[in-house]
Amino acid sequence: MTSAPAVEPASPSPSRSYASASTDPAVTVRRLGGRIGAVISGVRLGGGLDPAVVSAVRAAVLEHKVVFFRDQDHLDEAGHEAFGRLLGTPVAHPTVPSADGRYALGIDSGHGGRANQWHTDVTFVPACPAFSILRAVTVPPYGGNTLWSNTAAAYTGLPTPLRALADSLRAVHSNDYDYAALRPSARPEEFAQHREVFTSTKFRTEHPVVRVHPETGERSLLLGSFVQRIEGLTGRDSRVLTELFQSHIERPENTVRWRWRTGDIAIWDNRATQHYGVDDSDDHDRSLRRVTVDGDIPVGTDGRRSVLLSPDEVPAPGFGIASGASTAA
């Protein structure tokens, strides 16, 4: 087996101004970590944002993988979704109904919204979202932080033999279990109802373990808690390999942690990250809204695309699950 050449991730720059790309010289980007994360200031998000500022925000997300905005309390469901349209085509969750708007997904601690496992959003369908935009509505007095990891940096950091192995693998992802933990005091029927909604359509999709980013060309690990198994391996071997690769994704050097305030916005590149909602706020309310922007069907290092394995018929378009998505390209 020959090793694939490593693809170095773009080196994030120090705090800098995007004045050359924006009509507002006050727009700045400040790094939070060496490999992931930045805070953007001087931007009032919404559907009427200047195209040059939108381009600057998009470039910052691609470079830093996740970016944060404070003091966006003016955004409501409509404004949240309108801003999402500036980054692409918003798509509703394939199984869970939206909140007050057409596309915004409610993530509430009292209704199963404790995503306390490392995951990439909606990888159980062929086209993972390109971007996720998360808005803090209610935050607890303590805890409830979210962590993100740079999966491109994790791939680059693998020893050469492990990179070559990862390049050759494909994994099956499914929503046939729920990654979000209900409160310990939740009634069994409450848990059953949430699971019934989340798995109302059971998806199985085969993805490359390493995907090539369509905009940056970077290679990144496509794994997370929706992975059921690695193709061609036993369940035990699949778990061992998945845990090995995940250990590189979860290395502290590849992560950033965000403490929420009401009105905060986080935008991340779902094609190059995983994230984890820390479940340590006890019974305090934590409520967020997420808008996802439609992405592309992942392509592996060998040029093979992801494949929808089931179901044969799907209830709604989007996420690469329209007709023709279930065949290899």
C-alpha atoms as a PDB file:
ATOM      1  CA  MET A   1       0.000   0.000   0.000  1.00  0.00           C
ATOM      2  CA  THR A   2       1.436   3.347  -1.012  1.00  0.00           C
ATOM      3  CA  SER A   3       0.964   6.327   1.223  1.00  0.00           C
ATOM      4  CA  ALA A   4      -1.003   9.304  -0.003  1.00  0.00           C
ATOM      5  CA  PRO A   5       0.700  12.679   0.170  1.00  0.00           C
ATOM      6  CA  ALA A   6      -0.266  14.701   3.184  1.00  0.00           C
ATOM      7  CA  VAL A   7      -2.364  17.772   2.559  1.00  0.00           C
ATOM      8  CA  GLU A   8      -1.335  20.524   4.934  1.00  0.00           C
ATOM      9  CA  PRO A   9      -4.241  22.569   6.299  1.00  0.00           C
ATOM     10  CA  ALA A  10      -4.189  26.277   5.679  1.00  0.00           C
ATOM     11  CA  SER A  11      -2.302  28.038   8.451  1.00  0.00           C
ATOM     12  CA  PRO A  12      -4.656  30.413  10.256  1.00  0.00           C
ATOM     13  CA  SER A  13      -3.361  33.951  10.438  1.00  0.00           C
ATOM     14  CA  PRO A  14      -3.286  36.129  13.552  1.00  0.00           C
ATOM     15  CA  SER A  15      -6.022  38.657  14.260  1.00  0.00           C
ATOM     16  CA  ARG A  16      -6.489  40.583  11.045  1.00  0.00           C
ATOM     17  CA  SER A  17      -8.840  42.971   9.282  1.00  0.00           C
ATOM     18  CA  TYR A  18     -10.846  42.084   6.210  1.00  0.00           C
ATOM     19  CA  ALA A  19     -11.088  45.759   5.214  1.00  0.00           C
ATOM     20  CA  SER A  20      -9.827  44.938   1.715  1.00  0.00           C
ATOM     21  CA  ALA A  21     -12.814  42.646   1.171  1.00  0.00           C
ATOM     22  CA  SER A  22     -15.383  44.580   3.169  1.00  0.00           C
ATOM     23  CA  THR A  23     -16.946  48.007   3.058  1.00  0.00           C
ATOM     24  CA  ASP A  24     -16.616  48.114   6.847  1.00  0.00           C
ATOM     25  CA  PRO A  25     -13.007  48.323   8.063  1.00  0.00           C
ATOM     26  CA  ALA A  26     -14.185  47.442  11.577  1.00  0.00           C
ATOM     27  CA  VAL A  27     -14.746  43.782  10.585  1.00  0.00           C
ATOM     28  CA  THR A  28     -11.982  41.798  12.266  1.00  0.00           C
ATOM     29  CA  VAL A  29     -11.133  38.146  12.802  1.00  0.00           C
ATOM     30  CA  ARG A  30      -9.290  37.088  15.962  1.00  0.00           C
ATOM     31  CA  ARG A  31      -7.898  33.571  16.304  1.00  0.00           C
ATOM     32  CA  LEU A  32      -8.864  31.502  19.323  1.00  0.00           C
ATOM     33  CA  GLY A  33      -6.662  28.451  18.805  1.00  0.00           C
ATOM     34  CA  GLY A  34      -3.673  27.380  16.802  1.00  0.00           C
ATOM     35  CA  ARG A  35      -5.642  24.941  14.651  1.00  0.00           C
ATOM     36  CA  ILE A  36      -9.296  25.928  14.965  1.00  0.00           C
ATOM     37  CA  GLY A  37     -11.591  28.754  15.972  1.00  0.00           C
ATOM     38  CA  ALA A  38     -11.888  32.520  15.583  1.00  0.00           C
ATOM     39  CA  VAL A  39     -14.100  35.367  16.804  1.00  0.00           C
ATOM     40  CA  ILE A  40     -15.457  37.826  14.246  1.00  0.00           C
ATOM     41  CA  SER A  41     -16.435  41.308  15.385  1.00  0.00           C
ATOM     42  CA  GLY A  42     -17.856  44.328  13.609  1.00  0.00           C
ATOM     43  CA  VAL A  43     -20.612  42.359  11.829  1.00  0.00           C
ATOM     44  CA  ARG A  44     -24.374  42.564  12.382  1.00  0.00           C
ATOM     45  CA  LEU A  45     -25.639  39.313  10.883  1.00  0.00           C
ATOM     46  CA  GLY A  46     -28.811  39.185   8.806  1.00  0.00           C
ATOM     47  CA  GLY A  47     -30.218  38.711   5.343  1.00  0.00           C
ATOM     48  CA  GLY A  48     -29.129  42.152   4.145  1.00  0.00           C
ATOM     49  CA  LEU A  49     -25.423  41.721   4.826  1.00  0.00           C
ATOM     50  CA  ASP A  50     -23.054  43.276   2.290  1.00  0.00           C
ATOM     51  CA  PRO A  51     -21.802  40.624  -0.196  1.00  0.00           C
ATOM     52  CA  ALA A  52     -18.183  41.550   0.533  1.00  0.00           C
ATOM     53  CA  VAL A  53     -18.745  40.910   4.235  1.00  0.00           C
ATOM     54  CA  VAL A  54     -20.449  37.586   3.445  1.00  0.00           C
ATOM     55  CA  SER A  55     -17.394  36.599   1.393  1.00  0.00           C
ATOM     56  CA  ALA A  56     -15.110  37.558   4.268  1.00  0.00           C
ATOM     57  CA  VAL A  57     -17.167  35.515   6.741  1.00  0.00           C
ATOM     58  CA  ARG A  58     -17.174  32.512   4.420  1.00  0.00           C
ATOM     59  CA  ALA A  59     -13.409  32.754   3.938  1.00  0.00           C
ATOM     60  CA  ALA A  60     -12.908  32.910   7.705  1.00  0.00           C
ATOM     61  CA  VAL A  61     -15.065  29.806   8.225  1.00  0.00           C
ATOM     62  CA  LEU A  62     -13.086  27.879   5.617  1.00  0.00           C
ATOM     63  CA  GLU A  63      -9.805  28.941   7.213  1.00  0.00           C
ATOM     64  CA  HIS A  64     -10.644  28.606  10.913  1.00  0.00           C
ATOM     65  CA  LYS A  65     -13.326  25.859  10.604  1.00  0.00           C
ATOM     66  CA  VAL A  66     -15.598  27.500  13.213  1.00  0.00           C
ATOM     67  CA  VAL A  67     -16.175  31.202  13.873  1.00  0.00           C
ATOM     68  CA  PHE A  68     -18.129  32.948  16.626  1.00  0.00           C
ATOM     69  CA  PHE A  69     -20.106  36.176  16.842  1.00  0.00           C
ATOM     70  CA  ARG A  70     -21.199  37.876  20.063  1.00  0.00           C
ATOM     71  CA  ASP A  71     -24.198  40.181  20.587  1.00  0.00           C
ATOM     72  CA  GLN A  72     -26.440  39.036  17.741  1.00  0.00           C
ATOM     73  CA  ASP A  73     -29.600  39.306  19.886  1.00  0.00           C
ATOM     74  CA  HIS A  74     -31.438  41.081  17.061  1.00  0.00           C
ATOM     75  CA  LEU A  75     -31.668  37.832  15.072  1.00  0.00           C
ATOM     76  CA  ASP A  76     -34.953  35.963  15.177  1.00  0.00           C
ATOM     77  CA  GLU A  77     -35.895  32.785  13.297  1.00  0.00           C
ATOM     78  CA  ALA A  78     -36.523  34.680  10.055  1.00  0.00           C
ATOM     79  CA  GLY A  79     -33.270  36.650  10.259  1.00  0.00           C
ATOM     80  CA  HIS A  80     -31.339  33.502  11.132  1.00  0.00           C
ATOM     81  CA  GLU A  81     -32.667  31.708   8.069  1.00  0.00           C
ATOM     82  CA  ALA A  82     -32.208  34.776   5.848  1.00  0.00           C
ATOM     83  CA  PHE A  83     -28.534  34.924   6.784  1.00  0.00           C
ATOM     84  CA  GLY A  84     -28.227  31.197   6.084  1.00  0.00           C
ATOM     85  CA  ARG A  85     -29.387  31.803   2.517  1.00  0.00           C
ATOM     86  CA  LEU A  86     -26.392  34.060   1.973  1.00  0.00           C
ATOM     87  CA  LEU A  87     -24.113  31.042   2.507  1.00  0.00           C
ATOM     88  CA  GLY A  88     -26.148  28.609   0.411  1.00  0.00           C
ATOM     89  CA  THR A  89     -29.462  26.773   0.334  1.00  0.00           C
ATOM     90  CA  PRO A  90     -30.931  26.085   3.804  1.00  0.00           C
ATOM     91  CA  VAL A  91     -32.270  22.573   4.338  1.00  0.00           C
ATOM     92  CA  ALA A  92     -34.530  21.229   7.063  1.00  0.00           C
ATOM     93  CA  HIS A  93     -33.469  18.228   9.131  1.00  0.00           C
ATOM     94  CA  PRO A  94     -34.410  15.045   7.231  1.00  0.00           C
ATOM     95  CA  THR A  95     -36.404  13.585  10.149  1.00  0.00           C
ATOM     96  CA  VAL A  96     -36.870  16.129  12.973  1.00  0.00           C
ATOM     97  CA  PRO A  97     -39.456  18.912  12.424  1.00  0.00           C
ATOM     98  CA  SER A  98     -38.172  22.484  12.431  1.00  0.00           C
ATOM     99  CA  ALA A  99     -38.859  24.984  15.193  1.00  0.00           C
ATOM    100  CA  ASP A 100     -40.731  28.236  14.525  1.00  0.00           C
ATOM    101  CA  GLY A 101     -39.248  28.844  11.100  1.00  0.00           C
ATOM    102  CA  ARG A 102     -39.057  26.712   8.016  1.00  0.00           C
ATOM    103  CA  TYR A 103     -35.532  25.406   8.480  1.00  0.00           C
ATOM    104  CA  ALA A 104     -34.380  26.173  12.035  1.00  0.00           C
ATOM    105  CA  LEU A 105     -33.944  23.059  14.172  1.00  0.00           C
ATOM    106  CA  GLY A 106     -34.630  23.433  17.877  1.00  0.00           C
ATOM    107  CA  ILE A 107     -31.929  21.983  20.151  1.00  0.00           C
ATOM    108  CA  ASP A 108     -33.414  22.061  23.635  1.00  0.00           C
ATOM    109  CA  SER A 109     -32.045  20.359  26.730  1.00  0.00           C
ATOM    110  CA  GLY A 110     -35.523  19.300  27.821  1.00  0.00           C
ATOM    111  CA  HIS A 111     -36.398  17.601  24.539  1.00  0.00           C
ATOM    112  CA  GLY A 112     -33.414  15.461  23.651  1.00  0.00           C
ATOM    113  CA  GLY A 113     -31.136  18.340  22.683  1.00  0.00           C
ATOM    114  CA  ARG A 114     -28.008  17.167  24.498  1.00  0.00           C
ATOM    115  CA  ALA A 115     -25.671  16.088  21.728  1.00  0.00           C
ATOM    116  CA  ASN A 116     -22.944  14.924  24.082  1.00  0.00           C
ATOM    117  CA  GLN A 117     -21.028  12.731  21.677  1.00  0.00           C
ATOM    118  CA  TRP A 118     -18.560  13.796  19.017  1.00  0.00           C
ATOM    119  CA  HIS A 119     -20.332  14.004  15.671  1.00  0.00           C
ATOM    120  CA  THR A 120     -20.594  15.768  12.337  1.00  0.00           C
ATOM    121  CA  ASP A 121     -24.118  16.934  11.548  1.00  0.00           C
ATOM    122  CA  VAL A 122     -26.370  14.611   9.556  1.00  0.00           C
ATOM    123  CA  THR A 123     -23.727  12.253   8.144  1.00  0.00           C
ATOM    124  CA  PHE A 124     -26.328   9.501   7.809  1.00  0.00           C
ATOM    125  CA  VAL A 125     -27.406  11.043   4.469  1.00  0.00           C
ATOM    126  CA  PRO A 126     -25.218  11.341   1.356  1.00  0.00           C
ATOM    127  CA  ALA A 127     -24.683  15.117   1.280  1.00  0.00           C
ATOM    128  CA  CYS A 128     -23.616  16.324   4.723  1.00  0.00           C
ATOM    129  CA  PRO A 129     -24.466  20.002   5.285  1.00  0.00           C
ATOM    130  CA  ALA A 130     -21.773  22.411   4.132  1.00  0.00           C
ATOM    131  CA  PHE A 131     -22.289  24.857   6.998  1.00  0.00           C
ATOM    132  CA  SER A 132     -24.181  24.840  10.276  1.00  0.00           C
ATOM    133  CA  ILE A 133     -25.252  28.103  11.933  1.00  0.00           C
ATOM    134  CA  LEU A 134     -26.102  27.793  15.634  1.00  0.00           C
ATOM    135  CA  ARG A 135     -27.823  30.554  17.636  1.00  0.00           C
ATOM    136  CA  ALA A 136     -28.009  30.683  21.437  1.00  0.00           C
ATOM    137  CA  VAL A 137     -31.548  31.463  22.665  1.00  0.00           C
ATOM    138  CA  THR A 138     -31.361  30.391  26.316  1.00  0.00           C
ATOM    139  CA  VAL A 139     -28.115  29.536  28.081  1.00  0.00           C
ATOM    140  CA  PRO A 140     -27.615  27.951  31.515  1.00  0.00           C
ATOM    141  CA  PRO A 141     -25.840  29.843  34.317  1.00  0.00           C
ATOM    142  CA  TYR A 142     -22.968  27.361  34.052  1.00  0.00           C
ATOM    143  CA  GLY A 143     -21.893  24.542  31.771  1.00  0.00           C
ATOM    144  CA  GLY A 144     -23.446  23.766  28.412  1.00  0.00           C
ATOM    145  CA  ASN A 145     -20.327  24.673  26.413  1.00  0.00           C
ATOM    146  CA  THR A 146     -19.732  23.276  22.932  1.00  0.00           C
ATOM    147  CA  LEU A 147     -16.437  21.902  21.607  1.00  0.00           C
ATOM    148  CA  TRP A 148     -15.362  21.710  17.971  1.00  0.00           C
ATOM    149  CA  SER A 149     -12.532  19.718  16.409  1.00  0.00           C
ATOM    150  CA  ASN A 150     -10.629  20.279  13.165  1.00  0.00           C
ATOM    151  CA  THR A 151     -10.880  16.959  11.314  1.00  0.00           C
ATOM    152  CA  ALA A 152      -8.500  18.152   8.574  1.00  0.00           C
ATOM    153  CA  ALA A 153      -5.791  18.817  11.152  1.00  0.00           C
ATOM    154  CA  ALA A 154      -6.550  15.411  12.679  1.00  0.00           C
ATOM    155  CA  TYR A 155      -5.984  13.741   9.308  1.00  0.00           C
ATOM    156  CA  THR A 156      -2.753  15.631   8.666  1.00  0.00           C
ATOM    157  CA  GLY A 157      -1.496  14.664  12.119  1.00  0.00           C
ATOM    158  CA  LEU A 158      -1.896  10.940  11.483  1.00  0.00           C
ATOM    159  CA  PRO A 159       1.292   8.917  10.973  1.00  0.00           C
ATOM    160  CA  THR A 160       1.845   8.208   7.275  1.00  0.00           C
ATOM    161  CA  PRO A 161       0.764   4.522   7.471  1.00  0.00           C
ATOM    162  CA  LEU A 162      -2.491   5.496   9.219  1.00  0.00           C
ATOM    163  CA  ARG A 163      -3.213   8.172   6.608  1.00  0.00           C
ATOM    164  CA  ALA A 164      -2.776   5.577   3.864  1.00  0.00           C
ATOM    165  CA  LEU A 165      -5.072   3.163   5.712  1.00  0.00           C
ATOM    166  CA  ALA A 166      -7.731   5.815   6.290  1.00  0.00           C
ATOM    167  CA  ASP A 167      -7.616   6.785   2.599  1.00  0.00           C
ATOM    168  CA  SER A 168      -8.583   3.223   1.659  1.00  0.00           C
ATOM    169  CA  LEU A 169     -11.561   2.822   4.016  1.00  0.00           C
ATOM    170  CA  ARG A 170     -15.285   3.451   3.756  1.00  0.00           C
ATOM    171  CA  ALA A 171     -17.764   3.541   6.637  1.00  0.00           C
ATOM    172  CA  VAL A 172     -21.519   3.110   6.992  1.00  0.00           C
ATOM    173  CA  HIS A 173     -23.310   5.913   8.869  1.00  0.00           C
ATOM    174  CA  SER A 174     -26.875   5.644  10.203  1.00  0.00           C
ATOM    175  CA  ASN A 175     -29.389   7.505  12.378  1.00  0.00           C
ATOM    176  CA  ASP A 176     -30.720   4.207  13.702  1.00  0.00           C
ATOM    177  CA  TYR A 177     -29.785   5.273  17.195  1.00  0.00           C
ATOM    178  CA  ASP A 178     -29.883   8.655  18.872  1.00  0.00           C
ATOM    179  CA  TYR A 179     -26.694  10.516  19.802  1.00  0.00           C
ATOM    180  CA  ALA A 180     -28.565  13.061  21.941  1.00  0.00           C
ATOM    181  CA  ALA A 181     -28.995  12.062  25.588  1.00  0.00           C
ATOM    182  CA  LEU A 182     -32.229  12.944  27.346  1.00  0.00           C
ATOM    183  CA  ARG A 183     -32.228  14.128  30.939  1.00  0.00           C
ATOM    184  CA  PRO A 184     -31.667  11.237  33.350  1.00  0.00           C
ATOM    185  CA  SER A 185     -35.088  11.948  34.851  1.00  0.00           C
ATOM    186  CA  ALA A 186     -36.861  11.705  31.493  1.00  0.00           C
ATOM    187  CA  ARG A 187     -39.782   9.308  31.392  1.00  0.00           C
ATOM    188  CA  PRO A 188     -39.287   6.236  29.165  1.00  0.00           C
ATOM    189  CA  GLU A 189     -42.186   7.331  26.950  1.00  0.00           C
ATOM    190  CA  GLU A 190     -40.528  10.744  26.474  1.00  0.00           C
ATOM    191  CA  PHE A 191     -37.313   9.089  25.313  1.00  0.00           C
ATOM    192  CA  ALA A 192     -39.245   6.705  23.072  1.00  0.00           C
ATOM    193  CA  GLN A 193     -41.117   9.600  21.460  1.00  0.00           C
ATOM    194  CA  HIS A 194     -37.900  11.477  20.717  1.00  0.00           C
ATOM    195  CA  ARG A 195     -36.271   8.394  19.232  1.00  0.00           C
ATOM    196  CA  GLU A 196     -39.363   7.679  17.153  1.00  0.00           C
ATOM    197  CA  VAL A 197     -39.132  11.129  15.558  1.00  0.00           C
ATOM    198  CA  PHE A 198     -35.356  11.008  15.041  1.00  0.00           C
ATOM    199  CA  THR A 199     -35.526   7.624  13.305  1.00  0.00           C
ATOM    200  CA  SER A 200     -38.885   8.139  11.555  1.00  0.00           C
ATOM    201  CA  THR A 201     -36.959   7.411   8.365  1.00  0.00           C
ATOM    202  CA  LYS A 202     -33.947   5.176   8.894  1.00  0.00           C
ATOM    203  CA  PHE A 203     -31.009   6.151   6.723  1.00  0.00           C
ATOM    204  CA  ARG A 204     -27.840   4.225   5.942  1.00  0.00           C
ATOM    205  CA  THR A 205     -25.121   5.862   3.863  1.00  0.00           C
ATOM    206  CA  GLU A 206     -21.646   4.678   2.920  1.00  0.00           C
ATOM    207  CA  HIS A 207     -19.035   7.453   3.077  1.00  0.00           C
ATOM    208  CA  PRO A 208     -15.280   7.502   2.514  1.00  0.00           C
ATOM    209  CA  VAL A 209     -13.440   7.707   5.834  1.00  0.00           C
ATOM    210  CA  VAL A 210     -11.366  10.481   4.243  1.00  0.00           C
ATOM    211  CA  ARG A 211     -13.137  13.104   2.166  1.00  0.00           C
ATOM    212  CA  VAL A 212     -11.603  15.751  -0.079  1.00  0.00           C
ATOM    213  CA  HIS A 213     -12.970  19.221   0.645  1.00  0.00           C
ATOM    214  CA  PRO A 214     -14.618  20.663  -2.499  1.00  0.00           C
ATOM    215  CA  GLU A 215     -13.493  24.256  -1.768  1.00  0.00           C
ATOM    216  CA  THR A 216     -10.131  23.972  -0.005  1.00  0.00           C
ATOM    217  CA  GLY A 217      -8.848  20.652  -1.358  1.00  0.00           C
ATOM    218  CA  GLU A 218      -7.984  19.548   2.184  1.00  0.00           C
ATOM    219  CA  ARG A 219      -8.444  15.954   3.265  1.00  0.00           C
ATOM    220  CA  SER A 220     -10.355  15.355   6.471  1.00  0.00           C
ATOM    221  CA  LEU A 221     -11.639  12.421   8.499  1.00  0.00           C
ATOM    222  CA  LEU A 222     -15.368  11.766   8.057  1.00  0.00           C
ATOM    223  CA  LEU A 223     -16.383   9.809  11.150  1.00  0.00           C
ATOM    224  CA  GLY A 224     -18.301  10.563  14.363  1.00  0.00           C
ATOM    225  CA  SER A 225     -21.000   8.886  16.403  1.00  0.00           C
ATOM    226  CA  PHE A 226     -23.267   8.066  13.443  1.00  0.00           C
ATOM    227  CA  VAL A 227     -20.717   5.495  12.212  1.00  0.00           C
ATOM    228  CA  GLN A 228     -22.058   1.952  12.504  1.00  0.00           C
ATOM    229  CA  ARG A 229     -19.171   0.040  10.999  1.00  0.00           C
ATOM    230  CA  ILE A 230     -16.286   0.168   8.549  1.00  0.00           C
ATOM    231  CA  GLU A 231     -16.918  -1.684   5.311  1.00  0.00           C
ATOM    232  CA  GLY A 232     -15.245  -5.082   5.079  1.00  0.00           C
ATOM    233  CA  LEU A 233     -14.392  -5.313   8.791  1.00  0.00           C
ATOM    234  CA  THR A 234     -15.966  -7.085  11.730  1.00  0.00           C
ATOM    235  CA  GLY A 235     -17.812  -5.063  14.337  1.00  0.00           C
ATOM    236  CA  ARG A 236     -14.905  -5.376  16.762  1.00  0.00           C
ATOM    237  CA  ASP A 237     -12.282  -4.313  14.229  1.00  0.00           C
ATOM    238  CA  SER A 238     -14.527  -1.447  13.104  1.00  0.00           C
ATOM    239  CA  ARG A 239     -14.782  -0.161  16.678  1.00  0.00           C
ATOM    240  CA  VAL A 240     -11.032  -0.422  17.253  1.00  0.00           C
ATOM    241  CA  LEU A 241     -10.173   1.494  14.088  1.00  0.00           C
ATOM    242  CA  THR A 242     -12.902   4.090  14.585  1.00  0.00           C
ATOM    243  CA  GLU A 243     -11.730   4.746  18.141  1.00  0.00           C
ATOM    244  CA  LEU A 244      -8.137   5.045  16.927  1.00  0.00           C
ATOM    245  CA  PHE A 245      -8.999   7.688  14.328  1.00  0.00           C
ATOM    246  CA  GLN A 246     -11.380   9.440  16.728  1.00  0.00           C
ATOM    247  CA  SER A 247      -8.601   9.736  19.298  1.00  0.00           C
ATOM    248  CA  HIS A 248      -6.725  11.965  16.853  1.00  0.00           C
ATOM    249  CA  ILE A 249      -9.837  14.033  16.148  1.00  0.00           C
ATOM    250  CA  GLU A 250     -10.416  14.567  19.872  1.00  0.00           C
ATOM    251  CA  ARG A 251      -6.852  15.616  20.707  1.00  0.00           C
ATOM    252  CA  PRO A 252      -7.064  18.893  22.667  1.00  0.00           C
ATOM    253  CA  GLU A 253      -4.658  20.556  20.221  1.00  0.00           C
ATOM    254  CA  ASN A 254      -7.253  20.077  17.463  1.00  0.00           C
ATOM    255  CA  THR A 255     -10.160  21.521  19.456  1.00  0.00           C
ATOM    256  CA  VAL A 256     -11.695  24.774  20.633  1.00  0.00           C
ATOM    257  CA  ARG A 257     -14.279  25.275  23.401  1.00  0.00           C
ATOM    258  CA  TRP A 258     -16.962  27.989  23.434  1.00  0.00           C
ATOM    259  CA  ARG A 259     -18.879  29.306  26.432  1.00  0.00           C
ATOM    260  CA  TRP A 260     -22.254  30.484  25.203  1.00  0.00           C
ATOM    261  CA  ARG A 261     -23.978  33.777  25.909  1.00  0.00           C
ATOM    262  CA  THR A 262     -27.500  34.585  24.789  1.00  0.00           C
ATOM    263  CA  GLY A 263     -27.345  35.999  21.258  1.00  0.00           C
ATOM    264  CA  ASP A 264     -24.127  34.225  20.281  1.00  0.00           C
ATOM    265  CA  ILE A 265     -23.797  32.719  16.814  1.00  0.00           C
ATOM    266  CA  ALA A 266     -21.428  29.925  15.795  1.00  0.00           C
ATOM    267  CA  ILE A 267     -20.840  29.032  12.147  1.00  0.00           C
ATOM    268  CA  TRP A 268     -18.787  25.998  11.245  1.00  0.00           C
ATOM    269  CA  ASP A 269     -17.638  24.105   8.193  1.00  0.00           C
ATOM    270  CA  ASN A 270     -19.440  20.806   8.679  1.00  0.00           C
ATOM    271  CA  ARG A 271     -17.170  19.194   6.078  1.00  0.00           C
ATOM    272  CA  ALA A 272     -14.040  19.673   8.197  1.00  0.00           C
ATOM    273  CA  THR A 273     -15.216  19.499  11.818  1.00  0.00           C
ATOM    274  CA  GLN A 274     -16.849  17.481  14.532  1.00  0.00           C
ATOM    275  CA  HIS A 275     -18.503  18.993  17.605  1.00  0.00           C
ATOM    276  CA  TYR A 276     -19.672  17.969  21.075  1.00  0.00           C
ATOM    277  CA  GLY A 277     -22.268  19.578  23.352  1.00  0.00           C
ATOM    278  CA  VAL A 278     -21.081  19.244  26.948  1.00  0.00           C
ATOM    279  CA  ASP A 279     -23.868  17.934  29.202  1.00  0.00           C
ATOM    280  CA  ASP A 280     -22.910  19.526  32.532  1.00  0.00           C
ATOM    281  CA  SER A 281     -25.591  22.148  33.166  1.00  0.00           C
ATOM    282  CA  ASP A 282     -27.767  19.878  35.333  1.00  0.00           C
ATOM    283  CA  ASP A 283     -31.468  20.721  34.968  1.00  0.00           C
ATOM    284  CA  HIS A 284     -30.947  24.277  33.728  1.00  0.00           C
ATOM    285  CA  ASP A 285     -32.500  25.142  30.389  1.00  0.00           C
ATOM    286  CA  ARG A 286     -30.283  25.315  27.322  1.00  0.00           C
ATOM    287  CA  SER A 287     -31.957  26.183  24.046  1.00  0.00           C
ATOM    288  CA  LEU A 288     -30.346  26.791  20.662  1.00  0.00           C
ATOM    289  CA  ARG A 289     -31.502  27.006  17.046  1.00  0.00           C
ATOM    290  CA  ARG A 290     -29.575  25.543  14.135  1.00  0.00           C
ATOM    291  CA  VAL A 291     -29.851  26.306  10.439  1.00  0.00           C
ATOM    292  CA  THR A 292     -27.925  24.043   8.068  1.00  0.00           C
ATOM    293  CA  VAL A 293     -26.856  24.873   4.524  1.00  0.00           C
ATOM    294  CA  ASP A 294     -26.995  22.125   1.919  1.00  0.00           C
ATOM    295  CA  GLY A 295     -23.670  20.575   1.017  1.00  0.00           C
ATOM    296  CA  ASP A 296     -22.182  18.239  -1.540  1.00  0.00           C
ATOM    297  CA  ILE A 297     -21.850  14.475  -1.705  1.00  0.00           C
ATOM    298  CA  PRO A 298     -18.407  13.623  -0.248  1.00  0.00           C
ATOM    299  CA  VAL A 299     -15.700  12.340  -2.557  1.00  0.00           C
ATOM    300  CA  GLY A 300     -12.906  10.102  -1.319  1.00  0.00           C
ATOM    301  CA  THR A 301      -9.235  10.248  -2.232  1.00  0.00           C
ATOM    302  CA  ASP A 302      -9.931   7.634  -4.933  1.00  0.00           C
ATOM    303  CA  GLY A 303     -12.640   9.784  -6.532  1.00  0.00           C
ATOM    304  CA  ARG A 304     -15.534   7.606  -5.324  1.00  0.00           C
ATOM    305  CA  ARG A 305     -18.585   9.404  -3.982  1.00  0.00           C
ATOM    306  CA  SER A 306     -20.729   8.531  -1.000  1.00  0.00           C
ATOM    307  CA  VAL A 307     -23.624   6.138  -1.621  1.00  0.00           C
ATOM    308  CA  LEU A 308     -27.108   6.037  -0.081  1.00  0.00           C
ATOM    309  CA  LEU A 309     -27.742   2.418   0.953  1.00  0.00           C
ATOM    310  CA  SER A 310     -31.256   2.818   2.351  1.00  0.00           C
ATOM    311  CA  PRO A 311     -34.066   3.681   2.126  1.00  0.00           C
ATOM    312  CA  ASP A 312     -34.821   3.139  -1.562  1.00  0.00           C
ATOM    313  CA  GLU A 313     -37.415   5.917  -1.457  1.00  0.00           C
ATOM    314  CA  VAL A 314     -37.030   9.114   0.533  1.00  0.00           C
ATOM    315  CA  PRO A 315     -39.731  11.418   1.931  1.00  0.00           C
ATOM    316  CA  ALA A 316     -38.207  14.738   0.854  1.00  0.00           C
ATOM    317  CA  PRO A 317     -35.362  16.133  -1.277  1.00  0.00           C
ATOM    318  CA  GLY A 318     -32.187  17.688   0.077  1.00  0.00           C
ATOM    319  CA  PHE A 319     -28.982  16.360   1.621  1.00  0.00           C
ATOM    320  CA  GLY A 320     -28.212  14.523  -1.616  1.00  0.00           C
ATOM    321  CA  ILE A 321     -31.150  12.150  -1.129  1.00  0.00           C
ATOM    322  CA  ALA A 322     -33.059  13.100  -4.261  1.00  0.00           C
ATOM    323  CA  SER A 323     -33.308  10.659  -7.134  1.00  0.00           C
ATOM    324  CA  GLY A 324     -29.991   9.338  -8.351  1.00  0.00           C
ATOM    325  CA  ALA A 325     -28.158   9.799  -5.069  1.00  0.00           C
ATOM    326  CA  SER A 326     -28.201   6.100  -4.275  1.00  0.00           C
ATOM    327  CA  THR A 327     -25.883   5.123  -7.094  1.00  0.00           C
ATOM    328  CA  ALA A 328     -22.127   5.378  -7.062  1.00  0.00           C
ATOM    329  CA  ALA A 329     -20.532   7.990  -9.284  1.00  0.00           C
END
